[in-house]
C-alpha atoms as a PDB file:
ATOM      1  CA  UNK A   1      70.603-139.741 -37.703  1.00  0.00           C
ATOM      2  CA  UNK A   2      73.874-140.294 -35.804  1.00  0.00           C
ATOM      3  CA  UNK A   3      73.884-140.160 -32.016  1.00  0.00           C
ATOM      4  CA  UNK A   4      76.239-137.155 -31.943  1.00  0.00           C
ATOM      5  CA  UNK A   5      74.037-135.170 -34.304  1.00  0.00           C
ATOM      6  CA  UNK A   6      70.989-136.023 -32.216  1.00  0.00           C
ATOM      7  CA  UNK A   7      72.709-134.873 -29.022  1.00  0.00           C
ATOM      8  CA  UNK A   8      73.805-131.604 -30.648  1.00  0.00           C
ATOM      9  CA  UNK A   9      70.318-130.872 -31.949  1.00  0.00           C
ATOM     10  CA  UNK A  10      68.645-131.475 -28.587  1.00  0.00           C
ATOM     11  CA  UNK A  11      71.353-129.649 -26.620  1.00  0.00           C
ATOM     12  CA  UNK A  12      71.138-126.580 -28.855  1.00  0.00           C
ATOM     13  CA  UNK A  13      67.368-126.523 -28.503  1.00  0.00           C
ATOM     14  CA  UNK A  14      67.579-126.733 -24.702  1.00  0.00           C
ATOM     15  CA  UNK A  15      70.335-124.110 -24.657  1.00  0.00           C
ATOM     16  CA  UNK A  16      68.230-121.719 -26.757  1.00  0.00           C
ATOM     17  CA  UNK A  17      65.238-122.146 -24.451  1.00  0.00           C
ATOM     18  CA  UNK A  18      67.312-121.684 -21.303  1.00  0.00           C
ATOM     19  CA  UNK A  19      69.031-118.637 -22.774  1.00  0.00           C
ATOM     20  CA  UNK A  20      65.711-117.079 -23.751  1.00  0.00           C
ATOM     21  CA  UNK A  21      64.391-117.682 -20.229  1.00  0.00           C
ATOM     22  CA  UNK A  22      67.667-116.494 -18.675  1.00  0.00           C
ATOM     23  CA  UNK A  23      68.012-119.764 -16.774  1.00  0.00           C
ATOM     24  CA  UNK A  24      71.265-121.132 -18.213  1.00  0.00           C
ATOM     25  CA  UNK A  25      72.937-121.776 -14.861  1.00  0.00           C
ATOM     26  CA  UNK A  26      69.982-123.518 -13.161  1.00  0.00           C
ATOM     27  CA  UNK A  27      69.338-125.577 -16.294  1.00  0.00           C
ATOM     28  CA  UNK A  28      72.999-126.612 -16.531  1.00  0.00           C
ATOM     29  CA  UNK A  29      73.042-127.592 -12.864  1.00  0.00           C
ATOM     30  CA  UNK A  30      69.781-129.545 -13.101  1.00  0.00           C
ATOM     31  CA  UNK A  31      70.862-131.238 -16.306  1.00  0.00           C
ATOM     32  CA  UNK A  32      74.110-132.366 -14.655  1.00  0.00           C
ATOM     33  CA  UNK A  33      72.308-133.692 -11.577  1.00  0.00           C
ATOM     34  CA  UNK A  34      69.641-135.479 -13.591  1.00  0.00           C
ATOM     35  CA  UNK A  35      72.161-136.958 -16.014  1.00  0.00           C
ATOM     36  CA  UNK A  36      74.012-138.447 -13.058  1.00  0.00           C
ATOM     37  CA  UNK A  37      70.756-139.806 -11.629  1.00  0.00           C
ATOM     38  CA  UNK A  38      69.724-141.297 -14.970  1.00  0.00           C
ATOM     39  CA  UNK A  39      73.163-142.863 -15.381  1.00  0.00           C
ATOM     40  CA  UNK A  40      72.314-145.383 -12.676  1.00  0.00           C
ATOM     41  CA  UNK A  41      71.896-148.662 -14.585  1.00  0.00           C
ATOM     42  CA  UNK A  42      68.693-149.675 -12.780  1.00  0.00           C
ATOM     43  CA  UNK A  43      67.082-146.293 -13.355  1.00  0.00           C
ATOM     44  CA  UNK A  44      67.954-146.247 -17.058  1.00  0.00           C
ATOM     45  CA  UNK A  45      66.851-149.861 -17.485  1.00  0.00           C
ATOM     46  CA  UNK A  46      63.413-149.020 -16.086  1.00  0.00           C
ATOM     47  CA  UNK A  47      63.029-145.772 -18.023  1.00  0.00           C
ATOM     48  CA  UNK A  48      64.066-147.294 -21.333  1.00  0.00           C
ATOM     49  CA  UNK A  49      62.473-150.682 -20.797  1.00  0.00           C
ATOM     50  CA  UNK A  50      59.174-152.018 -22.047  1.00  0.00           C
ATOM     51  CA  UNK A  51      56.838-150.252 -19.637  1.00  0.00           C
ATOM     52  CA  UNK A  52      53.857-148.069 -20.412  1.00  0.00           C
ATOM     53  CA  UNK A  53      54.576-144.500 -21.475  1.00  0.00           C
ATOM     54  CA  UNK A  54      52.486-143.103 -18.605  1.00  0.00           C
ATOM     55  CA  UNK A  55      54.463-145.134 -16.074  1.00  0.00           C
ATOM     56  CA  UNK A  56      57.777-143.871 -17.514  1.00  0.00           C
ATOM     57  CA  UNK A  57      56.517-140.310 -17.288  1.00  0.00           C
ATOM     58  CA  UNK A  58      55.469-140.832 -13.652  1.00  0.00           C
ATOM     59  CA  UNK A  59      58.864-142.194 -12.685  1.00  0.00           C
ATOM     60  CA  UNK A  60      60.710-139.468 -14.552  1.00  0.00           C
ATOM     61  CA  UNK A  61      58.575-136.776 -12.924  1.00  0.00           C
ATOM     62  CA  UNK A  62      59.389-138.195  -9.474  1.00  0.00           C
ATOM     63  CA  UNK A  63      63.104-138.084 -10.249  1.00  0.00           C
ATOM     64  CA  UNK A  64      62.869-134.538 -11.608  1.00  0.00           C
ATOM     65  CA  UNK A  65      60.853-133.391  -8.583  1.00  0.00           C
ATOM     66  CA  UNK A  66      63.578-134.644  -6.224  1.00  0.00           C
ATOM     67  CA  UNK A  67      66.123-132.399  -7.930  1.00  0.00           C
ATOM     68  CA  UNK A  68      63.952-129.275  -7.983  1.00  0.00           C
ATOM     69  CA  UNK A  69      64.818-128.799 -11.665  1.00  0.00           C
ATOM     70  CA  UNK A  70      63.401-125.885 -13.678  1.00  0.00           C
ATOM     71  CA  UNK A  71      60.243-126.604 -15.680  1.00  0.00           C
ATOM     72  CA  UNK A  72      62.135-126.414 -18.957  1.00  0.00           C
ATOM     73  CA  UNK A  73      64.354-129.320 -17.863  1.00  0.00           C
ATOM     74  CA  UNK A  74      61.342-131.322 -16.744  1.00  0.00           C
ATOM     75  CA  UNK A  75      59.620-130.784 -20.079  1.00  0.00           C
ATOM     76  CA  UNK A  76      62.836-131.512 -21.944  1.00  0.00           C
ATOM     77  CA  UNK A  77      63.340-134.859 -20.219  1.00  0.00           C
ATOM     78  CA  UNK A  78      59.717-135.804 -20.840  1.00  0.00           C
ATOM     79  CA  UNK A  79      60.250-135.014 -24.516  1.00  0.00           C
ATOM     80  CA  UNK A  80      63.375-137.195 -24.553  1.00  0.00           C
ATOM     81  CA  UNK A  81      61.419-140.012 -22.911  1.00  0.00           C
ATOM     82  CA  UNK A  82      58.569-139.672 -25.420  1.00  0.00           C
ATOM     83  CA  UNK A  83      61.048-139.982 -28.304  1.00  0.00           C
ATOM     84  CA  UNK A  84      63.105-142.777 -26.689  1.00  0.00           C
ATOM     85  CA  UNK A  85      66.155-140.513 -26.401  1.00  0.00           C
ATOM     86  CA  UNK A  86      66.895-140.719 -22.661  1.00  0.00           C
ATOM     87  CA  UNK A  87      70.082-142.667 -23.372  1.00  0.00           C
ATOM     88  CA  UNK A  88      71.346-139.557 -25.175  1.00  0.00           C
ATOM     89  CA  UNK A  89      71.238-137.500 -21.957  1.00  0.00           C
ATOM     90  CA  UNK A  90      75.007-137.749 -21.195  1.00  0.00           C
ATOM     91  CA  UNK A  91      75.927-136.644 -24.723  1.00  0.00           C
ATOM     92  CA  UNK A  92      73.354-133.838 -24.590  1.00  0.00           C
ATOM     93  CA  UNK A  93      74.829-132.687 -21.276  1.00  0.00           C
ATOM     94  CA  UNK A  94      78.331-132.615 -22.777  1.00  0.00           C
ATOM     95  CA  UNK A  95      77.214-130.521 -25.749  1.00  0.00           C
ATOM     96  CA  UNK A  96      75.147-128.211 -23.513  1.00  0.00           C
ATOM     97  CA  UNK A  97      78.132-127.631 -21.213  1.00  0.00           C
ATOM     98  CA  UNK A  98      80.302-126.888 -24.250  1.00  0.00           C
ATOM     99  CA  UNK A  99      77.803-124.283 -25.456  1.00  0.00           C
ATOM    100  CA  UNK A 100      77.709-122.755 -21.978  1.00  0.00           C
ATOM    101  CA  UNK A 101      81.513-122.681 -21.825  1.00  0.00           C
ATOM    102  CA  UNK A 102      81.598-120.867 -25.186  1.00  0.00           C
ATOM    103  CA  UNK A 103      79.146-118.290 -23.891  1.00  0.00           C
ATOM    104  CA  UNK A 104      81.258-117.799 -20.756  1.00  0.00           C
ATOM    105  CA  UNK A 105      84.482-117.497 -22.767  1.00  0.00           C
ATOM    106  CA  UNK A 106      85.903-120.689 -21.284  1.00  0.00           C
ATOM    107  CA  UNK A 107      87.655-123.590 -22.945  1.00  0.00           C
ATOM    108  CA  UNK A 108      88.549-126.870 -21.305  1.00  0.00           C
ATOM    109  CA  UNK A 109      92.022-128.330 -21.451  1.00  0.00           C
ATOM    110  CA  UNK A 110      93.651-131.543 -20.353  1.00  0.00           C
ATOM    111  CA  UNK A 111      97.166-131.193 -18.997  1.00  0.00           C
ATOM    112  CA  UNK A 112      99.139-134.405 -18.747  1.00  0.00           C
ATOM    113  CA  UNK A 113     102.319-134.108 -16.720  1.00  0.00           C
ATOM    114  CA  UNK A 114     105.017-136.466 -15.478  1.00  0.00           C
ATOM    115  CA  UNK A 115     104.641-135.078 -11.949  1.00  0.00           C
ATOM    116  CA  UNK A 116     102.004-133.166  -9.998  1.00  0.00           C
ATOM    117  CA  UNK A 117     102.130-129.510 -11.019  1.00  0.00           C
ATOM    118  CA  UNK A 118     102.345-126.643  -8.567  1.00  0.00           C
ATOM    119  CA  UNK A 119      99.526-124.082  -8.525  1.00  0.00           C
ATOM    120  CA  UNK A 120     101.942-121.511  -9.981  1.00  0.00           C
ATOM    121  CA  UNK A 121     102.836-123.812 -12.883  1.00  0.00           C
ATOM    122  CA  UNK A 122      99.150-124.534 -13.565  1.00  0.00           C
ATOM    123  CA  UNK A 123      98.418-120.821 -13.538  1.00  0.00           C
ATOM    124  CA  UNK A 124     101.260-120.167 -16.005  1.00  0.00           C
ATOM    125  CA  UNK A 125     100.107-122.925 -18.364  1.00  0.00           C
ATOM    126  CA  UNK A 126      96.560-121.542 -18.155  1.00  0.00           C
ATOM    127  CA  UNK A 127      97.823-118.042 -18.931  1.00  0.00           C
ATOM    128  CA  UNK A 128      99.871-119.188 -21.942  1.00  0.00           C
ATOM    129  CA  UNK A 129      97.075-121.265 -23.438  1.00  0.00           C
ATOM    130  CA  UNK A 130      94.532-118.601 -22.581  1.00  0.00           C
ATOM    131  CA  UNK A 131      96.558-116.214 -24.751  1.00  0.00           C
ATOM    132  CA  UNK A 132      96.644-118.793 -27.568  1.00  0.00           C
ATOM    133  CA  UNK A 133      92.902-119.505 -27.467  1.00  0.00           C
ATOM    134  CA  UNK A 134      91.626-116.118 -26.395  1.00  0.00           C
ATOM    135  CA  UNK A 135      89.590-117.831 -23.686  1.00  0.00           C
ATOM    136  CA  UNK A 136      89.906-118.610 -20.011  1.00  0.00           C
ATOM    137  CA  UNK A 137      91.282-122.124 -19.478  1.00  0.00           C
ATOM    138  CA  UNK A 138      89.622-124.674 -17.221  1.00  0.00           C
ATOM    139  CA  UNK A 139      92.167-127.453 -16.841  1.00  0.00           C
ATOM    140  CA  UNK A 140      91.884-131.079 -15.883  1.00  0.00           C
ATOM    141  CA  UNK A 141      95.273-132.376 -14.761  1.00  0.00           C
ATOM    142  CA  UNK A 142      96.488-135.937 -15.169  1.00  0.00           C
ATOM    143  CA  UNK A 143      99.782-137.335 -13.914  1.00  0.00           C
ATOM    144  CA  UNK A 144     101.545-139.771 -16.278  1.00  0.00           C
ATOM    145  CA  UNK A 145     105.046-140.682 -15.036  1.00  0.00           C
ATOM    146  CA  UNK A 146     105.866-142.335 -18.385  1.00  0.00           C
ATOM    147  CA  UNK A 147     106.243-138.830 -19.868  1.00  0.00           C
ATOM    148  CA  UNK A 148     109.527-138.576 -17.920  1.00  0.00           C
ATOM    149  CA  UNK A 149     109.331-134.742 -17.858  1.00  0.00           C
ATOM    150  CA  UNK A 150     107.395-131.912 -19.457  1.00  0.00           C
ATOM    151  CA  UNK A 151     103.690-131.677 -20.264  1.00  0.00           C
ATOM    152  CA  UNK A 152     101.195-132.515 -22.965  1.00  0.00           C
ATOM    153  CA  UNK A 153      98.314-130.054 -23.266  1.00  0.00           C
ATOM    154  CA  UNK A 154      95.166-130.789 -25.227  1.00  0.00           C
ATOM    155  CA  UNK A 155      92.981-127.750 -25.835  1.00  0.00           C
ATOM    156  CA  UNK A 156      90.362-126.992 -28.482  1.00  0.00           C
ATOM    157  CA  UNK A 157      91.084-130.255 -30.277  1.00  0.00           C
ATOM    158  CA  UNK A 158      94.810-129.574 -30.615  1.00  0.00           C
ATOM    159  CA  UNK A 159      97.612-131.343 -28.796  1.00  0.00           C
ATOM    160  CA  UNK A 160     100.751-129.498 -27.718  1.00  0.00           C
ATOM    161  CA  UNK A 161     103.353-132.087 -26.775  1.00  0.00           C
ATOM    162  CA  UNK A 162     106.296-130.821 -24.761  1.00  0.00           C
ATOM    163  CA  UNK A 163     107.143-134.107 -23.079  1.00  0.00           C
ATOM    164  CA  UNK A 164     110.647-135.519 -22.815  1.00  0.00           C
ATOM    165  CA  UNK A 165     109.314-138.906 -23.916  1.00  0.00           C
ATOM    166  CA  UNK A 166     108.294-137.445 -27.303  1.00  0.00           C
ATOM    167  CA  UNK A 167     111.565-135.577 -27.704  1.00  0.00           C
ATOM    168  CA  UNK A 168     113.531-138.766 -26.997  1.00  0.00           C
ATOM    169  CA  UNK A 169     111.388-140.649 -29.536  1.00  0.00           C
ATOM    170  CA  UNK A 170     112.096-137.977 -32.174  1.00  0.00           C
ATOM    171  CA  UNK A 171     115.808-138.221 -31.419  1.00  0.00           C
ATOM    172  CA  UNK A 172     115.698-142.022 -31.693  1.00  0.00           C
ATOM    173  CA  UNK A 173     113.970-141.768 -35.088  1.00  0.00           C
ATOM    174  CA  UNK A 174     116.525-139.222 -36.351  1.00  0.00           C
ATOM    175  CA  UNK A 175     119.383-141.443 -35.271  1.00  0.00           C
ATOM    176  CA  UNK A 176     117.807-144.510 -36.894  1.00  0.00           C
ATOM    177  CA  UNK A 177     117.317-142.723 -40.224  1.00  0.00           C
ATOM    178  CA  UNK A 178     120.633-140.892 -40.106  1.00  0.00           C
ATOM    179  CA  UNK A 179     119.047-137.453 -40.554  1.00  0.00           C
END
């Protein structure tokens, strides 16, 4: 089974459990914290290395205890460890957060701009794309001076390119082909 399919399956299972227990927010928070902790190379090397299963469980339980994670997260991580799936934790977190965003009516967007955008401009872009998607927009902003002017917005897997760089490239192509 592909890694992405594995992450989706586990994330959906955790999401269903958390939803049934009405603990989506604490589970999401704990999952984020624990994913960051497990991302440490030394920690992951120990937890995925050739040590006894009981020792892995002990170490994982100590890490989980430090974060005060809900029991469902503790049990989930132990299950991942038992099935040698701890390396999938970042992908599982991403899918889980996507499911939570869907439930909240949120979609994430990346806005790439030639210059830093004012709060008013960000709000306007969020409003426009919120109307397109029917969801509230949570934007990550990147500054890319090579765009010259304008913005490129990526939302829900679609790219809306309103940059001057792209317009100039289109014009160059039209002039080269004579159309």
